[in-house]
Amino acid sequence: MRNSLKDFKVRALARPNVRRAYDGLAEEFELLDEILKARTASGLTQAEVAARIGTTQSAVARLESEIGKHSPSIATLKRYASALGYKLQVRLVKEADRTTRSSRLRAKSARGG
């Protein structure tokens, strides 16, 4: 059965529209993976995390499984991280293929435009 799932994924990702949608979710999957790894490393259950942050186990389950459907607040993510003994860090990282407006204007001026 495992191979049929792998085969399905390969066939699905060969379709350009599916590949774009899948790639578009990469950041959410990375965050979800970090969240799950942190809770596993902390040795806590969803119920224990919920008790520490004052919510329900089902709310923690949603946070851990529906990042794309549900956008938790930064405050919620901070409480979750703290309950696990972590600190939340949110950073902006420049995309390699994008330029800023000021960069384009400097380049235009340098060309005499």
PDB file of N, CA and C in Angstrom:
ATOM      1  N   MET A   1       0.824  -1.195   0.000  1.00  0.00           N
ATOM      2  CA  MET A   1       0.000   0.000   0.000  1.00  0.00           C
ATOM      3  C   MET A   1       0.870   1.261   0.000  1.00  0.00           C
ATOM      4  N   ARG A   2       1.989   1.206   0.675  1.00  0.00           N
ATOM      5  CA  ARG A   2       2.883   2.359   0.751  1.00  0.00           C
ATOM      6  C   ARG A   2       3.335   2.785  -0.641  1.00  0.00           C
ATOM      7  N   ASN A   3       3.674   1.815  -1.482  1.00  0.00           N
ATOM      8  CA  ASN A   3       4.134   2.159  -2.825  1.00  0.00           C
ATOM      9  C   ASN A   3       3.038   2.810  -3.642  1.00  0.00           C
ATOM     10  N   SER A   4       1.786   2.395  -3.457  1.00  0.00           N
ATOM     11  CA  SER A   4       0.717   3.007  -4.231  1.00  0.00           C
ATOM     12  C   SER A   4       0.535   4.476  -3.847  1.00  0.00           C
ATOM     13  N   LEU A   5       0.752   4.827  -2.574  1.00  0.00           N
ATOM     14  CA  LEU A   5       0.687   6.224  -2.158  1.00  0.00           C
ATOM     15  C   LEU A   5       1.829   7.009  -2.788  1.00  0.00           C
ATOM     16  N   LYS A   6       3.025   6.433  -2.792  1.00  0.00           N
ATOM     17  CA  LYS A   6       4.162   7.098  -3.429  1.00  0.00           C
ATOM     18  C   LYS A   6       3.907   7.288  -4.925  1.00  0.00           C
ATOM     19  N   ASP A   7       3.363   6.262  -5.564  1.00  0.00           N
ATOM     20  CA  ASP A   7       3.060   6.354  -6.996  1.00  0.00           C
ATOM     21  C   ASP A   7       2.028   7.443  -7.260  1.00  0.00           C
ATOM     22  N   PHE A   8       0.997   7.494  -6.416  1.00  0.00           N
ATOM     23  CA  PHE A   8      -0.033   8.523  -6.556  1.00  0.00           C
ATOM     24  C   PHE A   8       0.585   9.910  -6.441  1.00  0.00           C
ATOM     25  N   LYS A   9       1.464  10.092  -5.452  1.00  0.00           N
ATOM     26  CA  LYS A   9       2.098  11.402  -5.248  1.00  0.00           C
ATOM     27  C   LYS A   9       2.928  11.790  -6.468  1.00  0.00           C
ATOM     28  N   VAL A  10       3.688  10.848  -7.001  1.00  0.00           N
ATOM     29  CA  VAL A  10       4.511  11.125  -8.181  1.00  0.00           C
ATOM     30  C   VAL A  10       3.630  11.533  -9.355  1.00  0.00           C
ATOM     31  N   ARG A  11       2.540  10.779  -9.577  1.00  0.00           N
ATOM     32  CA  ARG A  11       1.629  11.107 -10.683  1.00  0.00           C
ATOM     33  C   ARG A  11       0.964  12.461 -10.466  1.00  0.00           C
ATOM     34  N   ALA A  12       0.528  12.722  -9.248  1.00  0.00           N
ATOM     35  CA  ALA A  12      -0.151  13.983  -8.952  1.00  0.00           C
ATOM     36  C   ALA A  12       0.792  15.164  -9.135  1.00  0.00           C
ATOM     37  N   LEU A  13       2.013  15.045  -8.628  1.00  0.00           N
ATOM     38  CA  LEU A  13       2.964  16.155  -8.710  1.00  0.00           C
ATOM     39  C   LEU A  13       3.496  16.376 -10.114  1.00  0.00           C
ATOM     40  N   ALA A  14       3.260  15.440 -11.008  1.00  0.00           N
ATOM     41  CA  ALA A  14       3.649  15.627 -12.409  1.00  0.00           C
ATOM     42  C   ALA A  14       2.718  16.623 -13.099  1.00  0.00           C
ATOM     43  N   ARG A  15       1.537  16.861 -12.507  1.00  0.00           N
ATOM     44  CA  ARG A  15       0.585  17.829 -13.057  1.00  0.00           C
ATOM     45  C   ARG A  15       0.996  19.222 -12.582  1.00  0.00           C
ATOM     46  N   PRO A  16       1.229  20.160 -13.513  1.00  0.00           N
ATOM     47  CA  PRO A  16       1.719  21.496 -13.137  1.00  0.00           C
ATOM     48  C   PRO A  16       0.851  22.228 -12.122  1.00  0.00           C
ATOM     49  N   ASN A  17      -0.459  22.137 -12.241  1.00  0.00           N
ATOM     50  CA  ASN A  17      -1.319  22.857 -11.290  1.00  0.00           C
ATOM     51  C   ASN A  17      -1.242  22.249  -9.892  1.00  0.00           C
ATOM     52  N   VAL A  18      -1.108  20.934  -9.812  1.00  0.00           N
ATOM     53  CA  VAL A  18      -0.966  20.274  -8.511  1.00  0.00           C
ATOM     54  C   VAL A  18       0.392  20.624  -7.914  1.00  0.00           C
ATOM     55  N   ARG A  19       1.434  20.617  -8.730  1.00  0.00           N
ATOM     56  CA  ARG A  19       2.791  20.944  -8.259  1.00  0.00           C
ATOM     57  C   ARG A  19       2.835  22.366  -7.702  1.00  0.00           C
ATOM     58  N   ARG A  20       2.197  23.331  -8.395  1.00  0.00           N
ATOM     59  CA  ARG A  20       2.178  24.715  -7.916  1.00  0.00           C
ATOM     60  C   ARG A  20       1.476  24.812  -6.567  1.00  0.00           C
ATOM     61  N   ALA A  21       0.330  24.154  -6.446  1.00  0.00           N
ATOM     62  CA  ALA A  21      -0.417  24.192  -5.182  1.00  0.00           C
ATOM     63  C   ALA A  21       0.391  23.540  -4.058  1.00  0.00           C
ATOM     64  N   TYR A  22       1.022  22.414  -4.355  1.00  0.00           N
ATOM     65  CA  TYR A  22       1.834  21.693  -3.367  1.00  0.00           C
ATOM     66  C   TYR A  22       3.025  22.548  -2.938  1.00  0.00           C
ATOM     67  N   ASP A  23       3.717  23.129  -3.896  1.00  0.00           N
ATOM     68  CA  ASP A  23       4.874  23.971  -3.582  1.00  0.00           C
ATOM     69  C   ASP A  23       4.452  25.213  -2.791  1.00  0.00           C
ATOM     70  N   GLY A  24       3.260  25.717  -3.068  1.00  0.00           N
ATOM     71  CA  GLY A  24       2.753  26.883  -2.359  1.00  0.00           C
ATOM     72  C   GLY A  24       2.507  26.621  -0.879  1.00  0.00           C
ATOM     73  N   LEU A  25       2.363  25.363  -0.519  1.00  0.00           N
ATOM     74  CA  LEU A  25       2.125  24.999   0.887  1.00  0.00           C
ATOM     75  C   LEU A  25       3.409  24.634   1.630  1.00  0.00           C
ATOM     76  N   ALA A  26       4.540  24.718   0.974  1.00  0.00           N
ATOM     77  CA  ALA A  26       5.806  24.278   1.566  1.00  0.00           C
ATOM     78  C   ALA A  26       6.100  24.959   2.898  1.00  0.00           C
ATOM     79  N   GLU A  27       5.888  26.274   2.981  1.00  0.00           N
ATOM     80  CA  GLU A  27       6.193  26.989   4.224  1.00  0.00           C
ATOM     81  C   GLU A  27       5.286  26.530   5.359  1.00  0.00           C
ATOM     82  N   GLU A  28       3.995  26.297   5.063  1.00  0.00           N
ATOM     83  CA  GLU A  28       3.092  25.811   6.105  1.00  0.00           C
ATOM     84  C   GLU A  28       3.499  24.432   6.586  1.00  0.00           C
ATOM     85  N   PHE A  29       3.904  23.558   5.636  1.00  0.00           N
ATOM     86  CA  PHE A  29       4.341  22.218   6.014  1.00  0.00           C
ATOM     87  C   PHE A  29       5.601  22.276   6.874  1.00  0.00           C
ATOM     88  N   GLU A  30       6.511  23.185   6.543  1.00  0.00           N
ATOM     89  CA  GLU A  30       7.736  23.339   7.341  1.00  0.00           C
ATOM     90  C   GLU A  30       7.403  23.777   8.760  1.00  0.00           C
ATOM     91  N   LEU A  31       6.498  24.747   8.894  1.00  0.00           N
ATOM     92  CA  LEU A  31       6.093  25.212  10.219  1.00  0.00           C
ATOM     93  C   LEU A  31       5.410  24.096  10.989  1.00  0.00           C
ATOM     94  N   LEU A  32       4.506  23.387  10.342  1.00  0.00           N
ATOM     95  CA  LEU A  32       3.815  22.285  10.992  1.00  0.00           C
ATOM     96  C   LEU A  32       4.810  21.226  11.454  1.00  0.00           C
ATOM     97  N   ASP A  33       5.788  20.924  10.617  1.00  0.00           N
ATOM     98  CA  ASP A  33       6.818  19.946  10.976  1.00  0.00           C
ATOM     99  C   ASP A  33       7.606  20.407  12.203  1.00  0.00           C
ATOM    100  N   GLU A  34       7.961  21.690  12.245  1.00  0.00           N
ATOM    101  CA  GLU A  34       8.681  22.232  13.407  1.00  0.00           C
ATOM    102  C   GLU A  34       7.843  22.127  14.674  1.00  0.00           C
ATOM    103  N   ILE A  35       6.561  22.461  14.556  1.00  0.00           N
ATOM    104  CA  ILE A  35       5.657  22.410  15.707  1.00  0.00           C
ATOM    105  C   ILE A  35       5.564  20.990  16.252  1.00  0.00           C
ATOM    106  N   LEU A  36       5.361  20.033  15.353  1.00  0.00           N
ATOM    107  CA  LEU A  36       5.224  18.638  15.790  1.00  0.00           C
ATOM    108  C   LEU A  36       6.521  18.098  16.384  1.00  0.00           C
ATOM    109  N   LYS A  37       7.650  18.431  15.778  1.00  0.00           N
ATOM    110  CA  LYS A  37       8.937  17.987  16.308  1.00  0.00           C
ATOM    111  C   LYS A  37       9.193  18.578  17.692  1.00  0.00           C
ATOM    112  N   ALA A  38       8.821  19.855  17.879  1.00  0.00           N
ATOM    113  CA  ALA A  38       9.031  20.496  19.182  1.00  0.00           C
ATOM    114  C   ALA A  38       8.196  19.833  20.263  1.00  0.00           C
ATOM    115  N   ARG A  39       6.930  19.519  19.946  1.00  0.00           N
ATOM    116  CA  ARG A  39       6.095  18.873  20.964  1.00  0.00           C
ATOM    117  C   ARG A  39       6.606  17.473  21.261  1.00  0.00           C
ATOM    118  N   THR A  40       7.029  16.752  20.237  1.00  0.00           N
ATOM    119  CA  THR A  40       7.584  15.413  20.444  1.00  0.00           C
ATOM    120  C   THR A  40       8.831  15.489  21.323  1.00  0.00           C
ATOM    121  N   ALA A  41       9.699  16.449  21.027  1.00  0.00           N
ATOM    122  CA  ALA A  41      10.929  16.604  21.809  1.00  0.00           C
ATOM    123  C   ALA A  41      10.633  16.988  23.257  1.00  0.00           C
ATOM    124  N   SER A  42       9.545  17.713  23.467  1.00  0.00           N
ATOM    125  CA  SER A  42       9.201  18.128  24.835  1.00  0.00           C
ATOM    126  C   SER A  42       8.610  16.985  25.636  1.00  0.00           C
ATOM    127  N   GLY A  43       8.136  15.939  24.945  1.00  0.00           N
ATOM    128  CA  GLY A  43       7.547  14.794  25.627  1.00  0.00           C
ATOM    129  C   GLY A  43       6.140  15.055  26.136  1.00  0.00           C
ATOM    130  N   LEU A  44       5.500  16.102  25.636  1.00  0.00           N
ATOM    131  CA  LEU A  44       4.156  16.447  26.097  1.00  0.00           C
ATOM    132  C   LEU A  44       3.090  15.944  25.132  1.00  0.00           C
ATOM    133  N   THR A  45       1.919  15.628  25.679  1.00  0.00           N
ATOM    134  CA  THR A  45       0.775  15.278  24.851  1.00  0.00           C
ATOM    135  C   THR A  45       0.044  16.566  24.468  1.00  0.00           C
ATOM    136  N   GLN A  46      -0.858  16.449  23.521  1.00  0.00           N
ATOM    137  CA  GLN A  46      -1.678  17.609  23.158  1.00  0.00           C
ATOM    138  C   GLN A  46      -2.472  18.096  24.370  1.00  0.00           C
ATOM    139  N   ALA A  47      -2.985  17.170  25.150  1.00  0.00           N
ATOM    140  CA  ALA A  47      -3.770  17.542  26.344  1.00  0.00           C
ATOM    141  C   ALA A  47      -2.912  18.297  27.353  1.00  0.00           C
ATOM    142  N   GLU A  48      -1.662  17.885  27.520  1.00  0.00           N
ATOM    143  CA  GLU A  48      -0.770  18.569  28.457  1.00  0.00           C
ATOM    144  C   GLU A  48      -0.430  19.975  27.970  1.00  0.00           C
ATOM    145  N   VAL A  49      -0.188  20.114  26.668  1.00  0.00           N
ATOM    146  CA  VAL A  49       0.078  21.444  26.104  1.00  0.00           C
ATOM    147  C   VAL A  49      -1.158  22.323  26.287  1.00  0.00           C
ATOM    148  N   ALA A  50      -2.322  21.764  26.008  1.00  0.00           N
ATOM    149  CA  ALA A  50      -3.579  22.511  26.148  1.00  0.00           C
ATOM    150  C   ALA A  50      -3.750  23.023  27.573  1.00  0.00           C
ATOM    151  N   ALA A  51      -3.473  22.178  28.543  1.00  0.00           N
ATOM    152  CA  ALA A  51      -3.615  22.593  29.942  1.00  0.00           C
ATOM    153  C   ALA A  51      -2.652  23.730  30.272  1.00  0.00           C
ATOM    154  N   ARG A  52      -1.456  23.671  29.719  1.00  0.00           N
ATOM    155  CA  ARG A  52      -0.454  24.709  29.998  1.00  0.00           C
ATOM    156  C   ARG A  52      -0.814  26.059  29.383  1.00  0.00           C
ATOM    157  N   ILE A  53      -1.507  26.038  28.255  1.00  0.00           N
ATOM    158  CA  ILE A  53      -1.823  27.319  27.603  1.00  0.00           C
ATOM    159  C   ILE A  53      -3.279  27.727  27.789  1.00  0.00           C
ATOM    160  N   GLY A  54      -4.019  26.925  28.527  1.00  0.00           N
ATOM    161  CA  GLY A  54      -5.396  27.291  28.849  1.00  0.00           C
ATOM    162  C   GLY A  54      -6.381  27.119  27.713  1.00  0.00           C
ATOM    163  N   THR A  55      -6.267  26.025  26.987  1.00  0.00           N
ATOM    164  CA  THR A  55      -7.201  25.743  25.902  1.00  0.00           C
ATOM    165  C   THR A  55      -7.560  24.268  25.941  1.00  0.00           C
ATOM    166  N   THR A  56      -8.192  23.794  24.905  1.00  0.00           N
ATOM    167  CA  THR A  56      -8.603  22.390  24.854  1.00  0.00           C
ATOM    168  C   THR A  56      -7.638  21.579  24.004  1.00  0.00           C
ATOM    169  N   GLN A  57      -7.660  20.271  24.203  1.00  0.00           N
ATOM    170  CA  GLN A  57      -6.840  19.373  23.399  1.00  0.00           C
ATOM    171  C   GLN A  57      -7.224  19.489  21.928  1.00  0.00           C
ATOM    172  N   SER A  58      -8.515  19.639  21.652  1.00  0.00           N
ATOM    173  CA  SER A  58      -8.944  19.737  20.247  1.00  0.00           C
ATOM    174  C   SER A  58      -8.413  21.006  19.587  1.00  0.00           C
ATOM    175  N   ALA A  59      -8.291  22.094  20.348  1.00  0.00           N
ATOM    176  CA  ALA A  59      -7.722  23.328  19.796  1.00  0.00           C
ATOM    177  C   ALA A  59      -6.247  23.123  19.450  1.00  0.00           C
ATOM    178  N   VAL A  60      -5.522  22.402  20.300  1.00  0.00           N
ATOM    179  CA  VAL A  60      -4.116  22.096  20.018  1.00  0.00           C
ATOM    180  C   VAL A  60      -4.027  21.185  18.793  1.00  0.00           C
ATOM    181  N   ALA A  61      -4.920  20.220  18.696  1.00  0.00           N
ATOM    182  CA  ALA A  61      -4.930  19.325  17.533  1.00  0.00           C
ATOM    183  C   ALA A  61      -5.161  20.115  16.247  1.00  0.00           C
ATOM    184  N   ARG A  62      -6.087  21.073  16.280  1.00  0.00           N
ATOM    185  CA  ARG A  62      -6.332  21.919  15.095  1.00  0.00           C
ATOM    186  C   ARG A  62      -5.085  22.725  14.748  1.00  0.00           C
ATOM    187  N   LEU A  63      -4.449  23.299  15.769  1.00  0.00           N
ATOM    188  CA  LEU A  63      -3.242  24.091  15.533  1.00  0.00           C
ATOM    189  C   LEU A  63      -2.167  23.232  14.875  1.00  0.00           C
ATOM    190  N   GLU A  64      -2.076  21.972  15.289  1.00  0.00           N
ATOM    191  CA  GLU A  64      -1.037  21.086  14.772  1.00  0.00           C
ATOM    192  C   GLU A  64      -1.381  20.443  13.433  1.00  0.00           C
ATOM    193  N   SER A  65      -2.604  20.588  12.986  1.00  0.00           N
ATOM    194  CA  SER A  65      -2.967  19.884  11.754  1.00  0.00           C
ATOM    195  C   SER A  65      -3.563  20.760  10.674  1.00  0.00           C
ATOM    196  N   GLU A  66      -4.002  21.937  11.006  1.00  0.00           N
ATOM    197  CA  GLU A  66      -4.723  22.740  10.021  1.00  0.00           C
ATOM    198  C   GLU A  66      -4.111  24.121   9.837  1.00  0.00           C
ATOM    199  N   ILE A  67      -2.799  24.186   9.822  1.00  0.00           N
ATOM    200  CA  ILE A  67      -2.128  25.475   9.689  1.00  0.00           C
ATOM    201  C   ILE A  67      -2.629  26.209   8.443  1.00  0.00           C
ATOM    202  N   GLY A  68      -2.776  25.531   7.327  1.00  0.00           N
ATOM    203  CA  GLY A  68      -3.230  26.183   6.107  1.00  0.00           C
ATOM    204  C   GLY A  68      -4.669  26.661   6.169  1.00  0.00           C
ATOM    205  N   LYS A  69      -5.529  25.954   6.909  1.00  0.00           N
ATOM    206  CA  LYS A  69      -6.942  26.307   7.001  1.00  0.00           C
ATOM    207  C   LYS A  69      -7.207  27.307   8.108  1.00  0.00           C
ATOM    208  N   HIS A  70      -6.352  27.295   9.096  1.00  0.00           N
ATOM    209  CA  HIS A  70      -6.550  28.095  10.308  1.00  0.00           C
ATOM    210  C   HIS A  70      -5.249  28.832  10.572  1.00  0.00           C
ATOM    211  N   SER A  71      -5.313  30.140  10.682  1.00  0.00           N
ATOM    212  CA  SER A  71      -4.101  30.919  10.922  1.00  0.00           C
ATOM    213  C   SER A  71      -4.066  31.338  12.391  1.00  0.00           C
ATOM    214  N   PRO A  72      -3.299  30.612  13.194  1.00  0.00           N
ATOM    215  CA  PRO A  72      -3.210  30.989  14.601  1.00  0.00           C
ATOM    216  C   PRO A  72      -2.512  32.342  14.748  1.00  0.00           C
ATOM    217  N   SER A  73      -2.894  33.073  15.776  1.00  0.00           N
ATOM    218  CA  SER A  73      -2.251  34.365  16.017  1.00  0.00           C
ATOM    219  C   SER A  73      -0.824  34.155  16.505  1.00  0.00           C
ATOM    220  N   ILE A  74      -0.042  35.196  16.402  1.00  0.00           N
ATOM    221  CA  ILE A  74       1.324  35.133  16.924  1.00  0.00           C
ATOM    222  C   ILE A  74       1.275  34.887  18.428  1.00  0.00           C
ATOM    223  N   ALA A  75       0.318  35.504  19.109  1.00  0.00           N
ATOM    224  CA  ALA A  75       0.182  35.304  20.562  1.00  0.00           C
ATOM    225  C   ALA A  75      -0.072  33.832  20.880  1.00  0.00           C
ATOM    226  N   THR A  76      -0.916  33.177  20.095  1.00  0.00           N
ATOM    227  CA  THR A  76      -1.191  31.748  20.313  1.00  0.00           C
ATOM    228  C   THR A  76       0.061  30.923  20.079  1.00  0.00           C
ATOM    229  N   LEU A  77       0.776  31.207  18.997  1.00  0.00           N
ATOM    230  CA  LEU A  77       2.011  30.469  18.718  1.00  0.00           C
ATOM    231  C   LEU A  77       3.058  30.701  19.809  1.00  0.00           C
ATOM    232  N   LYS A  78       3.110  31.929  20.357  1.00  0.00           N
ATOM    233  CA  LYS A  78       4.051  32.217  21.454  1.00  0.00           C
ATOM    234  C   LYS A  78       3.701  31.396  22.692  1.00  0.00           C
ATOM    235  N   ARG A  79       2.399  31.325  23.025  1.00  0.00           N
ATOM    236  CA  ARG A  79       1.977  30.530  24.191  1.00  0.00           C
ATOM    237  C   ARG A  79       2.288  29.052  23.971  1.00  0.00           C
ATOM    238  N   TYR A  80       2.026  28.569  22.781  1.00  0.00           N
ATOM    239  CA  TYR A  80       2.309  27.170  22.441  1.00  0.00           C
ATOM    240  C   TYR A  80       3.801  26.886  22.593  1.00  0.00           C
ATOM    241  N   ALA A  81       4.634  27.746  21.995  1.00  0.00           N
ATOM    242  CA  ALA A  81       6.090  27.569  22.071  1.00  0.00           C
ATOM    243  C   ALA A  81       6.558  27.602  23.517  1.00  0.00           C
ATOM    244  N   SER A  82       6.060  28.540  24.295  1.00  0.00           N
ATOM    245  CA  SER A  82       6.452  28.662  25.694  1.00  0.00           C
ATOM    246  C   SER A  82       6.068  27.420  26.491  1.00  0.00           C
ATOM    247  N   ALA A  83       4.896  26.860  26.201  1.00  0.00           N
ATOM    248  CA  ALA A  83       4.450  25.649  26.903  1.00  0.00           C
ATOM    249  C   ALA A  83       5.388  24.474  26.649  1.00  0.00           C
ATOM    250  N   LEU A  84       6.074  24.504  25.509  1.00  0.00           N
ATOM    251  CA  LEU A  84       7.016  23.437  25.163  1.00  0.00           C
ATOM    252  C   LEU A  84       8.438  23.734  25.613  1.00  0.00           C
ATOM    253  N   GLY A  85       8.638  24.937  26.161  1.00  0.00           N
ATOM    254  CA  GLY A  85       9.984  25.327  26.538  1.00  0.00           C
ATOM    255  C   GLY A  85      10.760  25.952  25.401  1.00  0.00           C
ATOM    256  N   TYR A  86      10.054  26.492  24.430  1.00  0.00           N
ATOM    257  CA  TYR A  86      10.665  27.127  23.268  1.00  0.00           C
ATOM    258  C   TYR A  86      10.328  28.611  23.252  1.00  0.00           C
ATOM    259  N   LYS A  87      10.983  29.339  22.365  1.00  0.00           N
ATOM    260  CA  LYS A  87      10.711  30.753  22.125  1.00  0.00           C
ATOM    261  C   LYS A  87      10.355  30.881  20.655  1.00  0.00           C
ATOM    262  N   LEU A  88       9.264  31.578  20.351  1.00  0.00           N
ATOM    263  CA  LEU A  88       8.857  31.788  18.971  1.00  0.00           C
ATOM    264  C   LEU A  88       9.694  32.894  18.352  1.00  0.00           C
ATOM    265  N   GLN A  89      10.176  32.655  17.138  1.00  0.00           N
ATOM    266  CA  GLN A  89      10.876  33.681  16.378  1.00  0.00           C
ATOM    267  C   GLN A  89      10.180  33.826  15.035  1.00  0.00           C
ATOM    268  N   VAL A  90       9.789  35.040  14.705  1.00  0.00           N
ATOM    269  CA  VAL A  90       9.165  35.328  13.414  1.00  0.00           C
ATOM    270  C   VAL A  90      10.111  36.258  12.681  1.00  0.00           C
ATOM    271  N   ARG A  91      10.505  35.864  11.475  1.00  0.00           N
ATOM    272  CA  ARG A  91      11.456  36.661  10.707  1.00  0.00           C
ATOM    273  C   ARG A  91      10.954  36.838   9.290  1.00  0.00           C
ATOM    274  N   LEU A  92      11.335  37.943   8.681  1.00  0.00           N
ATOM    275  CA  LEU A  92      11.117  38.147   7.263  1.00  0.00           C
ATOM    276  C   LEU A  92      12.414  37.789   6.548  1.00  0.00           C
ATOM    277  N   VAL A  93      12.321  36.936   5.553  1.00  0.00           N
ATOM    278  CA  VAL A  93      13.489  36.497   4.803  1.00  0.00           C
ATOM    279  C   VAL A  93      13.286  36.898   3.353  1.00  0.00           C
ATOM    280  N   LYS A  94      14.225  37.655   2.817  1.00  0.00           N
ATOM    281  CA  LYS A  94      14.138  38.154   1.447  1.00  0.00           C
ATOM    282  C   LYS A  94      14.134  36.995   0.462  1.00  0.00           C
ATOM    283  N   GLU A  95      13.179  37.032  -0.451  1.00  0.00           N
ATOM    284  CA  GLU A  95      13.139  36.035  -1.512  1.00  0.00           C
ATOM    285  C   GLU A  95      14.207  36.377  -2.529  1.00  0.00           C
ATOM    286  N   ALA A  96      14.923  35.397  -2.994  1.00  0.00           N
ATOM    287  CA  ALA A  96      16.068  35.610  -3.869  1.00  0.00           C
ATOM    288  C   ALA A  96      15.684  36.225  -5.212  1.00  0.00           C
ATOM    289  N   ASP A  97      14.521  35.896  -5.740  1.00  0.00           N
ATOM    290  CA  ASP A  97      14.188  36.363  -7.083  1.00  0.00           C
ATOM    291  C   ASP A  97      13.364  37.641  -7.097  1.00  0.00           C
ATOM    292  N   ARG A  98      13.193  38.280  -5.960  1.00  0.00           N
ATOM    293  CA  ARG A  98      12.406  39.513  -5.902  1.00  0.00           C
ATOM    294  C   ARG A  98      13.310  40.690  -5.586  1.00  0.00           C
ATOM    295  N   THR A  99      13.041  41.802  -6.242  1.00  0.00           N
ATOM    296  CA  THR A  99      13.784  43.025  -5.948  1.00  0.00           C
ATOM    297  C   THR A  99      12.832  44.034  -5.336  1.00  0.00           C
ATOM    298  N   THR A 100      13.375  44.938  -4.577  1.00  0.00           N
ATOM    299  CA  THR A 100      12.553  45.978  -3.968  1.00  0.00           C
ATOM    300  C   THR A 100      12.373  47.125  -4.950  1.00  0.00           C
ATOM    301  N   ARG A 101      11.417  47.966  -4.673  1.00  0.00           N
ATOM    302  CA  ARG A 101      11.166  49.132  -5.519  1.00  0.00           C
ATOM    303  C   ARG A 101      12.400  50.029  -5.557  1.00  0.00           C
ATOM    304  N   SER A 102      13.042  50.244  -4.403  1.00  0.00           N
ATOM    305  CA  SER A 102      14.224  51.114  -4.368  1.00  0.00           C
ATOM    306  C   SER A 102      15.371  50.518  -5.189  1.00  0.00           C
ATOM    307  N   SER A 103      15.508  49.192  -5.211  1.00  0.00           N
ATOM    308  CA  SER A 103      16.548  48.554  -6.020  1.00  0.00           C
ATOM    309  C   SER A 103      16.299  48.790  -7.494  1.00  0.00           C
ATOM    310  N   ARG A 104      15.020  48.684  -7.907  1.00  0.00           N
ATOM    311  CA  ARG A 104      14.681  48.909  -9.305  1.00  0.00           C
ATOM    312  C   ARG A 104      14.939  50.358  -9.695  1.00  0.00           C
ATOM    313  N   LEU A 105      14.600  51.307  -8.790  1.00  0.00           N
ATOM    314  CA  LEU A 105      14.820  52.710  -9.087  1.00  0.00           C
ATOM    315  C   LEU A 105      16.308  53.024  -9.195  1.00  0.00           C
ATOM    316  N   ARG A 106      17.136  52.456  -8.316  1.00  0.00           N
ATOM    317  CA  ARG A 106      18.590  52.677  -8.400  1.00  0.00           C
ATOM    318  C   ARG A 106      19.129  52.111  -9.715  1.00  0.00           C
ATOM    319  N   ALA A 107      18.657  50.949 -10.106  1.00  0.00           N
ATOM    320  CA  ALA A 107      19.127  50.344 -11.345  1.00  0.00           C
ATOM    321  C   ALA A 107      18.707  51.188 -12.553  1.00  0.00           C
ATOM    322  N   LYS A 108      17.489  51.710 -12.493  1.00  0.00           N
ATOM    323  CA  LYS A 108      17.002  52.558 -13.577  1.00  0.00           C
ATOM    324  C   LYS A 108      17.828  53.833 -13.668  1.00  0.00           C
ATOM    325  N   SER A 109      18.146  54.450 -12.508  1.00  0.00           N
ATOM    326  CA  SER A 109      18.961  55.674 -12.491  1.00  0.00           C
ATOM    327  C   SER A 109      20.357  55.403 -13.040  1.00  0.00           C
ATOM    328  N   ALA A 110      20.921  54.248 -12.691  1.00  0.00           N
ATOM    329  CA  ALA A 110      22.261  53.901 -13.149  1.00  0.00           C
ATOM    330  C   ALA A 110      22.302  53.738 -14.676  1.00  0.00           C
ATOM    331  N   ARG A 111      21.174  53.308 -15.229  1.00  0.00           N
ATOM    332  CA  ARG A 111      21.103  53.147 -16.694  1.00  0.00           C
ATOM    333  C   ARG A 111      20.794  54.464 -17.395  1.00  0.00           C
ATOM    334  N   GLY A 112      20.524  55.507 -16.595  1.00  0.00           N
ATOM    335  CA  GLY A 112      20.223  56.813 -17.175  1.00  0.00           C
ATOM    336  C   GLY A 112      18.741  56.980 -17.473  1.00  0.00           C
ATOM    337  N   GLY A 113      17.880  56.180 -16.828  1.00  0.00           N
ATOM    338  CA  GLY A 113      16.455  56.242 -17.122  1.00  0.00           C
ATOM    339  C   GLY A 113      15.733  56.925 -16.091  1.00  0.00           C
TER     340      GLY A 113
END
